């Protein structure tokens, strides 16, 4: 009977059945810990790519706006110049008021 009982450091007596249940609990704990590790790695990778995609979306949103500020004013100037020439309005800042009044008559 002595071989079935083991003394623990705090003086309690531990049977082999208790030892088996403790080993089973430790194995189950390791399995759960490994599963948690796998899930946490997946979540970490997801968050990493989510951060990158936020910057990509921001870049894709701001670049066209920035380019519009650069290229749109000269384009509008050309379009308005074409429209004014189409209707026979002379170009130039000095004549704009007079030409507009003449055009409206």
Protein backbone atom coordinates (compact mmCIF):
# COMPACT_ATOMS: atom_id res chain seq x y z
CA UNK A 1 0.00 0.00 0.00
CA UNK A 2 2.97 2.28 0.47
CA UNK A 3 3.65 2.37 -3.25
CA UNK A 4 0.12 3.77 -3.96
CA UNK A 5 0.57 6.75 -1.67
CA UNK A 6 3.04 9.55 -2.19
CA UNK A 7 3.91 12.25 0.28
CA UNK A 8 3.71 15.80 -1.01
CA UNK A 9 5.95 18.63 0.24
CA UNK A 10 3.24 20.03 2.49
CA UNK A 11 2.73 16.66 4.19
CA UNK A 12 -0.55 15.61 2.51
CA UNK A 13 -0.93 12.10 1.19
CA UNK A 14 -1.74 11.84 -2.52
CA UNK A 15 -3.17 8.68 -4.10
CA UNK A 16 -2.50 7.50 -7.64
CA UNK A 17 -6.12 8.26 -8.65
CA UNK A 18 -5.65 11.89 -7.62
CA UNK A 19 -2.36 11.94 -9.46
CA UNK A 20 -4.04 10.62 -12.62
CA UNK A 21 -6.76 13.25 -12.45
CA UNK A 22 -4.16 15.97 -11.94
CA UNK A 23 -2.20 14.73 -14.95
CA UNK A 24 -5.39 14.70 -17.03
CA UNK A 25 -6.20 18.24 -15.92
CA UNK A 26 -2.68 19.41 -16.76
CA UNK A 27 -2.91 17.80 -20.23
CA UNK A 28 -6.30 19.42 -20.80
CA UNK A 29 -4.89 22.75 -19.64
CA UNK A 30 -2.00 22.43 -22.13
CA UNK A 31 -4.41 21.65 -24.98
CA UNK A 32 -6.55 24.66 -24.13
CA UNK A 33 -3.45 26.85 -23.81
CA UNK A 34 -2.22 25.75 -27.24
CA UNK A 35 -5.63 26.52 -28.73
CA UNK A 36 -5.59 29.97 -27.12
CA UNK A 37 -2.08 30.55 -28.51
CA UNK A 38 -3.22 29.65 -32.02
CA UNK A 39 -6.23 31.97 -31.75
CA UNK A 40 -4.15 34.82 -30.34
CA UNK A 41 -1.66 34.51 -33.22
CA UNK A 42 -4.58 34.63 -35.68
CA UNK A 43 -6.00 37.73 -33.98
CA UNK A 44 -2.59 39.42 -33.92
CA UNK A 45 -2.14 38.79 -37.64
CA UNK A 46 -5.68 40.05 -38.33
CA UNK A 47 -5.07 43.27 -36.42
CA UNK A 48 -1.75 43.80 -38.21
CA UNK A 49 -3.36 43.53 -41.66
CA UNK A 50 -6.32 45.63 -40.53
CA UNK A 51 -3.91 48.45 -39.61
CA UNK A 52 -2.19 48.20 -43.00
CA UNK A 53 -5.51 48.25 -44.84
CA UNK A 54 -6.60 51.37 -42.96
CA UNK A 55 -3.52 53.19 -44.30
CA UNK A 56 -4.11 51.83 -47.80
CA UNK A 57 -7.73 53.01 -47.75
CA UNK A 58 -6.68 56.41 -46.46
CA UNK A 59 -4.06 56.66 -49.19
CA UNK A 60 -6.57 55.65 -51.88
CA UNK A 61 -8.99 58.26 -50.58
CA UNK A 62 -6.59 61.19 -50.14
CA UNK A 63 -4.44 60.82 -53.26
CA UNK A 64 -7.28 61.54 -55.73
CA UNK A 65 -8.35 64.55 -53.65
CA UNK A 66 -4.77 65.85 -53.61
CA UNK A 67 -4.41 65.31 -57.36
CA UNK A 68 -7.74 67.04 -57.95
CA UNK A 69 -6.48 70.15 -56.16
CA UNK A 70 -3.45 70.16 -58.43
CA UNK A 71 -5.01 69.35 -61.81
CA UNK A 72 -8.60 70.56 -61.52
CA UNK A 73 -8.06 74.38 -61.49
CA UNK A 74 -6.10 74.45 -64.79
CA UNK A 75 -8.65 72.07 -66.29
CA UNK A 76 -11.51 74.36 -65.22
CA UNK A 77 -9.65 77.34 -66.62
CA UNK A 78 -9.36 75.59 -69.98
CA UNK A 79 -13.00 74.50 -69.95
CA UNK A 80 -14.27 77.97 -69.08
CA UNK A 81 -11.99 79.47 -71.72
CA UNK A 82 -13.42 77.08 -74.30
CA UNK A 83 -17.00 77.90 -73.26
CA UNK A 84 -16.31 81.66 -73.36
CA UNK A 85 -14.78 81.33 -76.83
CA UNK A 86 -17.72 79.21 -77.91
CA UNK A 87 -20.16 81.97 -76.96
CA UNK A 88 -17.91 84.73 -78.29
CA UNK A 89 -16.95 86.22 -74.92
CA UNK A 90 -13.45 87.72 -75.06
CA UNK A 91 -10.99 86.39 -72.53
CA UNK A 92 -9.13 88.53 -70.06
CA UNK A 93 -9.78 89.87 -66.60
CA UNK A 94 -10.14 93.50 -67.68
CA UNK A 95 -12.92 92.81 -70.16
CA UNK A 96 -14.81 90.21 -68.18
CA UNK A 97 -17.33 92.58 -66.60
CA UNK A 98 -17.99 94.45 -69.84
CA UNK A 99 -18.13 91.25 -71.85
CA UNK A 100 -20.60 89.71 -69.42
CA UNK A 101 -22.85 92.75 -69.62
CA UNK A 102 -22.61 92.73 -73.38
CA UNK A 103 -23.37 89.02 -73.48
CA UNK A 104 -26.45 89.44 -71.27
CA UNK A 105 -28.01 92.19 -73.50
